[in-house]
N, C-alpha and C. Protein backbone atom coordinates (compact mmCIF):
# COMPACT_ATOMS: atom_id res chain seq x y z
N MET A 1 20.00 20.96 -47.99
CA MET A 1 20.08 20.35 -46.68
C MET A 1 21.36 20.79 -45.97
N SER A 2 21.24 21.23 -44.73
CA SER A 2 22.41 21.71 -43.99
C SER A 2 23.30 20.55 -43.56
N GLN A 3 24.54 20.87 -43.16
CA GLN A 3 25.46 19.85 -42.67
C GLN A 3 24.92 19.21 -41.40
N LEU A 4 24.23 20.00 -40.58
CA LEU A 4 23.67 19.47 -39.34
C LEU A 4 22.64 18.39 -39.63
N HIS A 5 21.78 18.64 -40.60
CA HIS A 5 20.77 17.64 -40.97
C HIS A 5 21.44 16.37 -41.49
N THR A 6 22.49 16.53 -42.27
CA THR A 6 23.22 15.37 -42.81
C THR A 6 23.84 14.55 -41.69
N LYS A 7 24.41 15.25 -40.71
CA LYS A 7 25.03 14.56 -39.57
C LYS A 7 23.98 13.85 -38.71
N LEU A 8 22.84 14.50 -38.52
CA LEU A 8 21.78 13.89 -37.72
C LEU A 8 21.23 12.64 -38.40
N ILE A 9 21.09 12.69 -39.71
CA ILE A 9 20.62 11.51 -40.46
C ILE A 9 21.60 10.35 -40.26
N ALA A 10 22.89 10.66 -40.29
CA ALA A 10 23.91 9.61 -40.10
C ALA A 10 23.81 9.01 -38.70
N ILE A 11 23.60 9.85 -37.70
CA ILE A 11 23.47 9.37 -36.32
C ILE A 11 22.22 8.52 -36.16
N GLN A 12 21.10 8.99 -36.73
CA GLN A 12 19.84 8.24 -36.62
C GLN A 12 19.96 6.85 -37.24
N ASN A 13 20.75 6.73 -38.32
CA ASN A 13 20.91 5.44 -39.00
C ASN A 13 21.84 4.50 -38.24
N GLU A 14 22.75 5.06 -37.43
CA GLU A 14 23.74 4.24 -36.75
C GLU A 14 23.43 4.00 -35.27
N LEU A 15 22.76 4.94 -34.65
CA LEU A 15 22.52 4.86 -33.20
C LEU A 15 21.57 3.73 -32.83
N SER A 16 21.98 2.91 -31.88
CA SER A 16 21.15 1.83 -31.36
C SER A 16 21.27 1.84 -29.84
N VAL A 17 20.14 1.92 -29.16
CA VAL A 17 20.14 1.94 -27.70
C VAL A 17 19.27 0.79 -27.21
N GLN A 18 19.90 -0.24 -26.70
CA GLN A 18 19.16 -1.41 -26.25
C GLN A 18 18.35 -1.12 -25.00
N LYS A 19 17.24 -1.84 -24.85
CA LYS A 19 16.39 -1.70 -23.66
C LYS A 19 16.85 -2.71 -22.63
N THR A 20 17.77 -2.27 -21.79
CA THR A 20 18.41 -3.19 -20.84
C THR A 20 17.75 -3.21 -19.47
N LYS A 21 16.85 -2.29 -19.22
CA LYS A 21 16.16 -2.25 -17.92
C LYS A 21 14.82 -2.96 -18.03
N HIS A 22 14.39 -3.55 -16.91
CA HIS A 22 13.15 -4.33 -16.93
C HIS A 22 12.16 -3.82 -15.89
N ASN A 23 10.91 -3.65 -16.32
CA ASN A 23 9.83 -3.25 -15.42
C ASN A 23 9.12 -4.52 -14.96
N GLU A 24 9.24 -4.83 -13.67
CA GLU A 24 8.67 -6.06 -13.13
C GLU A 24 7.15 -6.04 -13.15
N PHE A 25 6.54 -4.86 -12.89
CA PHE A 25 5.09 -4.77 -12.81
C PHE A 25 4.45 -4.96 -14.19
N GLY A 26 4.98 -4.25 -15.18
CA GLY A 26 4.41 -4.34 -16.52
C GLY A 26 5.01 -5.43 -17.37
N ASN A 27 6.12 -6.04 -16.86
CA ASN A 27 6.81 -7.12 -17.56
C ASN A 27 7.25 -6.71 -18.95
N PHE A 28 7.99 -5.59 -19.03
CA PHE A 28 8.54 -5.16 -20.31
C PHE A 28 9.91 -4.55 -20.10
N ASN A 29 10.70 -4.54 -21.16
CA ASN A 29 12.02 -3.92 -21.13
C ASN A 29 11.94 -2.50 -21.64
N TYR A 30 12.82 -1.64 -21.16
CA TYR A 30 12.80 -0.26 -21.61
C TYR A 30 14.19 0.35 -21.49
N ARG A 31 14.36 1.51 -22.11
CA ARG A 31 15.61 2.27 -22.00
C ARG A 31 15.32 3.56 -21.27
N SER A 32 16.31 4.11 -20.59
CA SER A 32 16.14 5.36 -19.85
C SER A 32 16.78 6.52 -20.60
N CYS A 33 16.52 7.72 -20.10
CA CYS A 33 17.16 8.92 -20.66
C CYS A 33 18.67 8.79 -20.57
N GLU A 34 19.16 8.29 -19.44
CA GLU A 34 20.60 8.14 -19.23
C GLU A 34 21.21 7.16 -20.24
N ASP A 35 20.45 6.09 -20.57
CA ASP A 35 20.94 5.11 -21.55
C ASP A 35 21.16 5.76 -22.91
N ILE A 36 20.21 6.61 -23.29
CA ILE A 36 20.31 7.29 -24.60
C ILE A 36 21.50 8.23 -24.62
N LEU A 37 21.66 9.02 -23.55
CA LEU A 37 22.76 9.98 -23.48
C LEU A 37 24.12 9.27 -23.55
N LYS A 38 24.24 8.17 -22.83
CA LYS A 38 25.49 7.42 -22.83
C LYS A 38 25.81 6.89 -24.22
N ALA A 39 24.79 6.41 -24.93
CA ALA A 39 25.00 5.83 -26.26
C ALA A 39 25.31 6.88 -27.32
N VAL A 40 24.74 8.09 -27.17
CA VAL A 40 24.87 9.09 -28.22
C VAL A 40 26.14 9.95 -28.08
N LYS A 41 26.74 10.00 -26.91
CA LYS A 41 27.91 10.87 -26.69
C LYS A 41 29.06 10.61 -27.65
N PRO A 42 29.42 9.36 -27.95
CA PRO A 42 30.51 9.14 -28.92
C PRO A 42 30.20 9.71 -30.30
N TYR A 43 28.92 9.66 -30.70
CA TYR A 43 28.52 10.22 -32.00
C TYR A 43 28.60 11.74 -31.99
N LEU A 44 28.26 12.35 -30.86
CA LEU A 44 28.35 13.80 -30.75
C LEU A 44 29.80 14.26 -30.89
N LYS A 45 30.69 13.51 -30.25
CA LYS A 45 32.12 13.83 -30.33
C LYS A 45 32.64 13.64 -31.75
N GLU A 46 32.22 12.54 -32.38
CA GLU A 46 32.68 12.23 -33.75
C GLU A 46 32.27 13.31 -34.73
N HIS A 47 31.04 13.85 -34.58
CA HIS A 47 30.52 14.83 -35.53
C HIS A 47 30.64 16.28 -35.04
N SER A 48 31.32 16.47 -33.90
CA SER A 48 31.51 17.82 -33.33
C SER A 48 30.17 18.55 -33.12
N LEU A 49 29.25 17.87 -32.44
CA LEU A 49 27.93 18.44 -32.18
C LEU A 49 27.70 18.60 -30.69
N LEU A 50 26.87 19.57 -30.35
CA LEU A 50 26.53 19.84 -28.95
C LEU A 50 25.06 19.52 -28.73
N LEU A 51 24.79 18.75 -27.70
CA LEU A 51 23.41 18.41 -27.34
C LEU A 51 23.06 19.10 -26.03
N LEU A 52 21.96 19.83 -26.04
CA LEU A 52 21.50 20.54 -24.85
C LEU A 52 20.09 20.07 -24.47
N LEU A 53 19.86 19.86 -23.19
CA LEU A 53 18.54 19.48 -22.69
C LEU A 53 18.05 20.53 -21.71
N THR A 54 16.86 21.04 -21.94
CA THR A 54 16.28 22.04 -21.05
C THR A 54 14.86 21.65 -20.67
N ASP A 55 14.42 22.13 -19.50
CA ASP A 55 13.07 21.85 -19.01
C ASP A 55 12.31 23.15 -18.80
N GLU A 56 11.01 23.05 -18.95
CA GLU A 56 10.12 24.20 -18.71
C GLU A 56 8.84 23.68 -18.08
N VAL A 57 8.40 24.34 -17.01
CA VAL A 57 7.14 23.97 -16.37
C VAL A 57 6.02 24.70 -17.08
N ILE A 58 5.02 23.96 -17.55
CA ILE A 58 3.89 24.58 -18.22
C ILE A 58 2.59 24.11 -17.56
N PHE A 59 1.53 24.87 -17.75
CA PHE A 59 0.24 24.54 -17.17
C PHE A 59 -0.77 24.31 -18.30
N ILE A 60 -1.47 23.19 -18.23
CA ILE A 60 -2.55 22.90 -19.16
C ILE A 60 -3.77 22.60 -18.30
N GLY A 61 -4.73 23.50 -18.33
CA GLY A 61 -5.85 23.39 -17.40
C GLY A 61 -5.34 23.65 -16.00
N GLU A 62 -5.54 22.69 -15.11
CA GLU A 62 -5.04 22.81 -13.74
C GLU A 62 -3.89 21.83 -13.49
N LYS A 63 -3.34 21.27 -14.54
CA LYS A 63 -2.29 20.28 -14.41
C LYS A 63 -0.92 20.87 -14.69
N HIS A 64 0.09 20.37 -13.97
CA HIS A 64 1.47 20.76 -14.20
C HIS A 64 2.13 19.78 -15.16
N TYR A 65 2.82 20.31 -16.15
CA TYR A 65 3.56 19.47 -17.09
C TYR A 65 5.01 19.94 -17.14
N ILE A 66 5.91 19.00 -17.38
CA ILE A 66 7.30 19.34 -17.64
C ILE A 66 7.52 19.21 -19.15
N LYS A 67 7.87 20.31 -19.78
CA LYS A 67 8.17 20.30 -21.21
C LYS A 67 9.68 20.25 -21.37
N ALA A 68 10.18 19.16 -21.92
CA ALA A 68 11.61 19.00 -22.14
C ALA A 68 11.94 19.24 -23.61
N THR A 69 13.05 19.91 -23.84
CA THR A 69 13.49 20.19 -25.21
C THR A 69 14.91 19.70 -25.41
N ALA A 70 15.12 18.92 -26.45
CA ALA A 70 16.45 18.45 -26.82
C ALA A 70 16.92 19.24 -28.03
N LYS A 71 18.03 19.95 -27.87
CA LYS A 71 18.57 20.78 -28.94
C LYS A 71 19.91 20.23 -29.42
N LEU A 72 20.03 20.08 -30.73
CA LEU A 72 21.28 19.62 -31.33
C LEU A 72 21.81 20.75 -32.20
N THR A 73 23.08 21.13 -31.98
CA THR A 73 23.64 22.25 -32.74
C THR A 73 25.09 21.99 -33.14
N ASP A 74 25.46 22.54 -34.27
CA ASP A 74 26.85 22.49 -34.71
C ASP A 74 27.51 23.86 -34.56
N GLY A 75 26.82 24.76 -33.88
CA GLY A 75 27.35 26.10 -33.67
C GLY A 75 26.77 27.10 -34.65
N THR A 76 26.20 26.60 -35.73
CA THR A 76 25.58 27.46 -36.74
C THR A 76 24.08 27.19 -36.84
N ASP A 77 23.75 25.95 -37.07
CA ASP A 77 22.34 25.54 -37.17
C ASP A 77 21.92 24.77 -35.93
N THR A 78 20.63 24.74 -35.68
CA THR A 78 20.07 24.04 -34.52
C THR A 78 18.82 23.26 -34.91
N ILE A 79 18.72 22.06 -34.40
CA ILE A 79 17.51 21.24 -34.56
C ILE A 79 17.01 20.92 -33.15
N GLU A 80 15.73 21.12 -32.90
CA GLU A 80 15.22 20.83 -31.57
C GLU A 80 13.90 20.08 -31.63
N VAL A 81 13.70 19.24 -30.62
CA VAL A 81 12.47 18.45 -30.48
C VAL A 81 12.03 18.53 -29.02
N SER A 82 10.72 18.72 -28.80
CA SER A 82 10.20 18.83 -27.44
C SER A 82 9.20 17.71 -27.15
N ALA A 83 9.08 17.39 -25.87
CA ALA A 83 8.10 16.40 -25.41
C ALA A 83 7.68 16.80 -24.01
N SER A 84 6.44 16.48 -23.65
CA SER A 84 5.92 16.86 -22.34
C SER A 84 5.43 15.65 -21.56
N ALA A 85 5.52 15.76 -20.24
CA ALA A 85 5.01 14.71 -19.36
C ALA A 85 4.32 15.39 -18.17
N ARG A 86 3.19 14.82 -17.74
CA ARG A 86 2.43 15.43 -16.64
C ARG A 86 2.89 14.89 -15.29
N GLU A 87 3.05 15.80 -14.34
CA GLU A 87 3.35 15.37 -12.99
C GLU A 87 2.13 14.71 -12.38
N PRO A 88 2.30 13.60 -11.65
CA PRO A 88 1.15 12.95 -11.03
C PRO A 88 0.53 13.83 -9.96
N GLY A 89 -0.76 13.64 -9.72
CA GLY A 89 -1.45 14.43 -8.70
C GLY A 89 -0.86 14.25 -7.33
N THR A 90 -0.43 13.02 -7.02
CA THR A 90 0.22 12.72 -5.74
C THR A 90 1.54 12.02 -6.03
N PRO A 91 2.59 12.32 -5.25
CA PRO A 91 3.90 11.70 -5.49
C PRO A 91 3.82 10.18 -5.37
N LYS A 92 4.68 9.49 -6.13
CA LYS A 92 4.73 8.05 -6.03
C LYS A 92 5.28 7.65 -4.66
N ALA A 93 5.03 6.41 -4.28
CA ALA A 93 5.49 5.92 -2.99
C ALA A 93 7.00 6.09 -2.86
N LYS A 94 7.43 6.54 -1.68
CA LYS A 94 8.85 6.72 -1.35
C LYS A 94 9.49 7.84 -2.16
N MET A 95 8.69 8.73 -2.73
CA MET A 95 9.22 9.86 -3.50
C MET A 95 8.70 11.17 -2.91
N ASP A 96 9.59 12.15 -2.70
CA ASP A 96 9.12 13.46 -2.28
C ASP A 96 8.82 14.29 -3.53
N ASP A 97 8.39 15.54 -3.34
CA ASP A 97 7.97 16.37 -4.47
C ASP A 97 9.09 16.58 -5.48
N SER A 98 10.32 16.86 -4.98
CA SER A 98 11.43 17.13 -5.90
C SER A 98 11.80 15.89 -6.70
N GLN A 99 11.74 14.72 -6.06
CA GLN A 99 12.04 13.48 -6.78
C GLN A 99 10.98 13.17 -7.83
N THR A 100 9.72 13.50 -7.52
CA THR A 100 8.63 13.30 -8.47
C THR A 100 8.83 14.17 -9.70
N THR A 101 9.21 15.44 -9.47
CA THR A 101 9.48 16.35 -10.59
C THR A 101 10.67 15.86 -11.41
N GLY A 102 11.70 15.38 -10.72
CA GLY A 102 12.89 14.87 -11.42
C GLY A 102 12.56 13.66 -12.28
N SER A 103 11.70 12.78 -11.76
CA SER A 103 11.28 11.60 -12.52
C SER A 103 10.48 12.00 -13.75
N THR A 104 9.61 13.00 -13.58
CA THR A 104 8.81 13.49 -14.71
C THR A 104 9.70 14.13 -15.77
N SER A 105 10.71 14.86 -15.31
CA SER A 105 11.66 15.49 -16.22
C SER A 105 12.40 14.45 -17.05
N SER A 106 12.87 13.39 -16.39
CA SER A 106 13.60 12.33 -17.09
C SER A 106 12.73 11.66 -18.13
N TYR A 107 11.44 11.48 -17.78
CA TYR A 107 10.50 10.84 -18.70
C TYR A 107 10.30 11.71 -19.93
N ALA A 108 10.10 13.01 -19.72
CA ALA A 108 9.90 13.93 -20.84
C ALA A 108 11.16 14.04 -21.69
N ARG A 109 12.33 14.10 -21.04
CA ARG A 109 13.58 14.20 -21.77
C ARG A 109 13.83 12.97 -22.64
N LYS A 110 13.47 11.81 -22.11
CA LYS A 110 13.66 10.57 -22.87
C LYS A 110 12.87 10.62 -24.18
N TYR A 111 11.63 11.10 -24.11
CA TYR A 111 10.81 11.14 -25.32
C TYR A 111 11.25 12.24 -26.28
N ALA A 112 11.83 13.31 -25.74
CA ALA A 112 12.39 14.34 -26.62
C ALA A 112 13.59 13.77 -27.37
N LEU A 113 14.43 13.01 -26.66
CA LEU A 113 15.59 12.37 -27.29
C LEU A 113 15.15 11.30 -28.28
N ASN A 114 14.11 10.56 -27.94
CA ASN A 114 13.57 9.56 -28.87
C ASN A 114 13.18 10.21 -30.19
N GLY A 115 12.50 11.35 -30.08
CA GLY A 115 12.06 12.06 -31.28
C GLY A 115 13.21 12.62 -32.09
N LEU A 116 14.20 13.16 -31.38
CA LEU A 116 15.34 13.76 -32.06
C LEU A 116 16.18 12.72 -32.81
N PHE A 117 16.41 11.58 -32.17
CA PHE A 117 17.30 10.57 -32.76
C PHE A 117 16.56 9.41 -33.41
N GLY A 118 15.22 9.54 -33.53
CA GLY A 118 14.45 8.54 -34.26
C GLY A 118 14.41 7.18 -33.59
N LEU A 119 14.33 7.17 -32.25
CA LEU A 119 14.27 5.91 -31.51
C LEU A 119 12.83 5.54 -31.21
N ASP A 120 12.48 4.28 -31.37
CA ASP A 120 11.14 3.84 -30.99
C ASP A 120 11.16 3.55 -29.49
N ASP A 121 9.98 3.48 -28.87
CA ASP A 121 9.93 3.19 -27.44
C ASP A 121 8.77 2.28 -27.11
N GLY A 122 8.60 1.22 -27.91
CA GLY A 122 7.57 0.23 -27.61
C GLY A 122 7.89 -0.47 -26.31
N ASN A 123 6.88 -0.99 -25.62
CA ASN A 123 7.08 -1.63 -24.33
C ASN A 123 7.76 -2.99 -24.42
N ASP A 124 7.68 -3.64 -25.58
CA ASP A 124 8.26 -4.96 -25.70
C ASP A 124 9.76 -4.87 -25.89
N SER A 125 10.48 -5.93 -25.53
CA SER A 125 11.92 -5.94 -25.72
C SER A 125 12.23 -5.91 -27.21
N ASP A 126 13.45 -5.47 -27.56
CA ASP A 126 13.80 -5.26 -28.96
C ASP A 126 13.74 -6.56 -29.77
N THR A 127 14.23 -7.64 -29.20
CA THR A 127 14.22 -8.90 -29.93
C THR A 127 13.93 -10.05 -28.99
N THR A 128 13.47 -11.14 -29.55
CA THR A 128 13.25 -12.34 -28.77
C THR A 128 14.46 -13.25 -28.94
N ASN A 129 14.44 -14.38 -28.28
CA ASN A 129 15.58 -15.30 -28.35
C ASN A 129 15.84 -15.78 -29.77
N ASN A 130 14.80 -15.85 -30.60
CA ASN A 130 15.01 -16.31 -31.97
C ASN A 130 15.33 -15.17 -32.92
N GLY A 131 15.53 -13.96 -32.37
CA GLY A 131 15.94 -12.83 -33.18
C GLY A 131 14.83 -12.11 -33.88
N LYS A 132 13.58 -12.55 -33.69
CA LYS A 132 12.45 -11.92 -34.35
C LYS A 132 11.89 -10.78 -33.52
N LYS A 133 11.39 -9.78 -34.19
CA LYS A 133 10.76 -8.64 -33.52
C LYS A 133 9.43 -9.08 -32.92
N PRO A 134 9.23 -8.88 -31.60
CA PRO A 134 7.97 -9.30 -31.01
C PRO A 134 6.84 -8.35 -31.37
N LYS A 135 5.62 -8.84 -31.26
CA LYS A 135 4.47 -8.00 -31.51
C LYS A 135 4.27 -7.04 -30.35
N GLU A 136 3.85 -5.80 -30.65
CA GLU A 136 3.57 -4.85 -29.59
C GLU A 136 2.30 -5.27 -28.86
N ALA A 137 2.30 -5.08 -27.54
CA ALA A 137 1.14 -5.44 -26.75
C ALA A 137 -0.05 -4.54 -27.12
N LYS A 138 -1.21 -5.15 -27.33
CA LYS A 138 -2.41 -4.39 -27.65
C LYS A 138 -2.85 -3.61 -26.43
N LEU A 139 -3.18 -2.35 -26.62
CA LEU A 139 -3.56 -1.50 -25.50
C LEU A 139 -5.06 -1.53 -25.24
N ILE A 140 -5.43 -1.05 -24.06
CA ILE A 140 -6.82 -0.98 -23.64
C ILE A 140 -7.66 -0.23 -24.67
N THR A 141 -8.91 -0.66 -24.86
CA THR A 141 -9.79 -0.01 -25.83
C THR A 141 -10.77 0.92 -25.12
N LYS A 142 -11.40 1.78 -25.90
CA LYS A 142 -12.40 2.69 -25.35
C LYS A 142 -13.59 1.91 -24.78
N VAL A 143 -13.89 0.79 -25.42
CA VAL A 143 -14.99 -0.06 -24.95
C VAL A 143 -14.67 -0.62 -23.57
N GLN A 144 -13.41 -1.02 -23.37
CA GLN A 144 -13.01 -1.55 -22.08
C GLN A 144 -13.05 -0.46 -20.99
N ILE A 145 -12.63 0.74 -21.35
CA ILE A 145 -12.68 1.85 -20.38
C ILE A 145 -14.13 2.13 -19.99
N ALA A 146 -15.01 2.12 -20.98
CA ALA A 146 -16.44 2.34 -20.71
C ALA A 146 -16.99 1.23 -19.82
N GLU A 147 -16.57 -0.01 -20.05
CA GLU A 147 -17.02 -1.15 -19.26
C GLU A 147 -16.55 -1.02 -17.80
N LEU A 148 -15.31 -0.58 -17.63
CA LEU A 148 -14.78 -0.38 -16.27
C LEU A 148 -15.57 0.68 -15.53
N LYS A 149 -15.89 1.76 -16.23
CA LYS A 149 -16.68 2.83 -15.61
C LYS A 149 -18.08 2.33 -15.26
N LYS A 150 -18.64 1.51 -16.13
CA LYS A 150 -19.97 0.95 -15.90
C LYS A 150 -19.96 0.05 -14.67
N LEU A 151 -18.82 -0.59 -14.41
CA LEU A 151 -18.67 -1.48 -13.27
C LEU A 151 -18.28 -0.75 -11.99
N GLY A 152 -18.24 0.58 -12.06
CA GLY A 152 -17.99 1.37 -10.85
C GLY A 152 -16.62 2.00 -10.73
N PHE A 153 -15.81 1.94 -11.77
CA PHE A 153 -14.48 2.55 -11.72
C PHE A 153 -14.61 4.06 -11.96
N SER A 154 -14.30 4.85 -10.94
CA SER A 154 -14.30 6.30 -11.09
C SER A 154 -13.01 6.72 -11.78
N ASP A 155 -12.92 7.99 -12.20
CA ASP A 155 -11.70 8.49 -12.83
C ASP A 155 -10.51 8.35 -11.88
N GLU A 156 -10.76 8.58 -10.59
CA GLU A 156 -9.69 8.46 -9.59
C GLU A 156 -9.20 7.02 -9.50
N ARG A 157 -10.14 6.09 -9.54
CA ARG A 157 -9.76 4.68 -9.46
C ARG A 157 -9.01 4.24 -10.71
N LEU A 158 -9.39 4.77 -11.86
CA LEU A 158 -8.67 4.46 -13.09
C LEU A 158 -7.23 4.98 -13.03
N GLU A 159 -7.05 6.16 -12.43
CA GLU A 159 -5.71 6.71 -12.27
C GLU A 159 -4.87 5.82 -11.35
N LYS A 160 -5.50 5.32 -10.27
CA LYS A 160 -4.80 4.42 -9.36
C LYS A 160 -4.42 3.12 -10.06
N MET A 161 -5.30 2.67 -10.95
CA MET A 161 -5.03 1.46 -11.71
C MET A 161 -3.80 1.66 -12.61
N ALA A 162 -3.73 2.84 -13.24
CA ALA A 162 -2.58 3.15 -14.09
C ALA A 162 -1.29 3.18 -13.27
N LYS A 163 -1.34 3.76 -12.07
CA LYS A 163 -0.17 3.81 -11.20
C LYS A 163 0.26 2.41 -10.79
N TYR A 164 -0.73 1.54 -10.56
CA TYR A 164 -0.44 0.16 -10.16
C TYR A 164 0.39 -0.55 -11.23
N TYR A 165 0.05 -0.29 -12.49
CA TYR A 165 0.77 -0.92 -13.59
C TYR A 165 1.97 -0.08 -14.06
N LYS A 166 2.27 1.00 -13.31
CA LYS A 166 3.45 1.82 -13.56
C LYS A 166 3.46 2.45 -14.95
N VAL A 167 2.29 2.97 -15.36
CA VAL A 167 2.20 3.71 -16.62
C VAL A 167 1.64 5.10 -16.33
N GLU A 168 1.78 6.00 -17.30
CA GLU A 168 1.40 7.38 -17.08
C GLU A 168 -0.11 7.61 -17.09
N SER A 169 -0.84 6.82 -17.85
CA SER A 169 -2.29 7.03 -17.95
C SER A 169 -2.99 5.71 -18.22
N ILE A 170 -4.30 5.69 -18.02
CA ILE A 170 -5.09 4.48 -18.22
C ILE A 170 -5.00 3.99 -19.66
N GLU A 171 -4.79 4.91 -20.61
CA GLU A 171 -4.72 4.54 -22.03
C GLU A 171 -3.49 3.69 -22.36
N GLN A 172 -2.51 3.62 -21.43
CA GLN A 172 -1.29 2.84 -21.68
C GLN A 172 -1.34 1.45 -21.07
N ILE A 173 -2.44 1.13 -20.39
CA ILE A 173 -2.63 -0.21 -19.86
C ILE A 173 -2.91 -1.17 -21.02
N THR A 174 -2.46 -2.40 -20.92
CA THR A 174 -2.65 -3.33 -22.01
C THR A 174 -4.08 -3.88 -22.04
N PHE A 175 -4.45 -4.40 -23.20
CA PHE A 175 -5.75 -5.01 -23.39
C PHE A 175 -5.94 -6.17 -22.41
N LYS A 176 -4.89 -6.96 -22.22
CA LYS A 176 -4.96 -8.11 -21.32
C LYS A 176 -5.17 -7.67 -19.87
N GLN A 177 -4.43 -6.65 -19.45
CA GLN A 177 -4.58 -6.15 -18.08
C GLN A 177 -5.98 -5.62 -17.83
N ALA A 178 -6.53 -4.92 -18.83
CA ALA A 178 -7.89 -4.38 -18.71
C ALA A 178 -8.91 -5.50 -18.63
N SER A 179 -8.73 -6.54 -19.47
CA SER A 179 -9.65 -7.68 -19.47
C SER A 179 -9.67 -8.38 -18.11
N GLU A 180 -8.48 -8.53 -17.53
CA GLU A 180 -8.38 -9.17 -16.22
C GLU A 180 -9.08 -8.33 -15.15
N ALA A 181 -8.92 -7.00 -15.22
CA ALA A 181 -9.55 -6.10 -14.25
C ALA A 181 -11.07 -6.15 -14.38
N ILE A 182 -11.57 -6.21 -15.62
CA ILE A 182 -13.01 -6.27 -15.85
C ILE A 182 -13.61 -7.55 -15.28
N GLU A 183 -12.95 -8.68 -15.55
CA GLU A 183 -13.45 -9.96 -15.04
C GLU A 183 -13.42 -10.01 -13.52
N LYS A 184 -12.36 -9.48 -12.94
CA LYS A 184 -12.24 -9.45 -11.48
C LYS A 184 -13.34 -8.61 -10.86
N GLN A 185 -13.61 -7.45 -11.48
CA GLN A 185 -14.65 -6.56 -10.97
C GLN A 185 -16.04 -7.17 -11.14
N LYS A 186 -16.25 -7.88 -12.24
CA LYS A 186 -17.54 -8.54 -12.46
C LYS A 186 -17.80 -9.58 -11.38
N ARG A 187 -16.77 -10.34 -11.03
CA ARG A 187 -16.91 -11.35 -9.99
C ARG A 187 -17.20 -10.70 -8.64
N ALA A 188 -16.55 -9.56 -8.39
CA ALA A 188 -16.77 -8.85 -7.13
C ALA A 188 -18.21 -8.32 -7.04
N VAL A 189 -18.71 -7.79 -8.15
CA VAL A 189 -20.08 -7.27 -8.19
C VAL A 189 -21.09 -8.39 -7.99
N GLU A 190 -20.85 -9.53 -8.68
CA GLU A 190 -21.76 -10.67 -8.55
C GLU A 190 -21.77 -11.21 -7.12
N LYS A 191 -20.62 -11.27 -6.50
CA LYS A 191 -20.52 -11.75 -5.12
C LYS A 191 -21.27 -10.83 -4.18
N LYS A 192 -21.12 -9.53 -4.40
CA LYS A 192 -21.80 -8.54 -3.55
C LYS A 192 -23.31 -8.64 -3.71
N GLU A 193 -23.76 -8.84 -4.95
CA GLU A 193 -25.21 -8.96 -5.21
C GLU A 193 -25.78 -10.21 -4.56
N LYS A 194 -25.04 -11.35 -4.60
CA LYS A 194 -25.50 -12.57 -3.97
C LYS A 194 -25.58 -12.42 -2.46
N GLU A 195 -24.56 -11.75 -1.88
CA GLU A 195 -24.55 -11.54 -0.44
C GLU A 195 -25.69 -10.65 -0.02
N GLY A 196 -26.00 -9.66 -0.87
CA GLY A 196 -27.10 -8.75 -0.57
C GLY A 196 -28.44 -9.44 -0.65
N GLY A 197 -28.56 -10.37 -1.64
CA GLY A 197 -29.80 -11.10 -1.81
C GLY A 197 -30.05 -12.08 -0.70
N SER A 198 -28.99 -12.64 -0.15
CA SER A 198 -29.15 -13.63 0.93
C SER A 198 -29.58 -13.01 2.22
N ASN A 199 -29.42 -11.67 2.32
CA ASN A 199 -29.78 -10.98 3.56
C ASN A 199 -31.24 -10.54 3.58
N ASP A 200 -31.94 -10.71 2.44
CA ASP A 200 -33.34 -10.26 2.37
C ASP A 200 -34.25 -11.18 3.17
């Protein structure tokens, strides 16, 4: 095992980055790329290591992705981890194209750093008031996605739903959020059918 691997193991065992930011829409705490960088810099100095972050635009099908790579080196050996994030089809509200790309880059870089330093990124906060680890929120199931489509949700509408909950894809919506959307849509369909029947 190289000295670099030994140093990285030490950092992974000691590094802790709290999730101090809160997402109001999804009601979860999270950490940013900047939070990780701020927390890891003292360890880099202590172990005389250099951390480099680079981005690359790649195409998968007709979609643009930002591939971020986190490289850790001691000048002799290098360890690197990559992660990718897809740019949204349309920029988020109040964001121009460059800001959208920058946001995607930060997202990809965060997951590359998570992988390099062994950080988890569950949506729930790290601890509750009683100090216990909370359960991770159950995510939407394939059955629920099929039910939404059966109720008239097109792929475009599912993407809009994901944006509403501030997640990257429909697969990251929670089971509870999906259940609420299904019930709401069922009520809307029933109301429309009753209104249509009353007009006969």
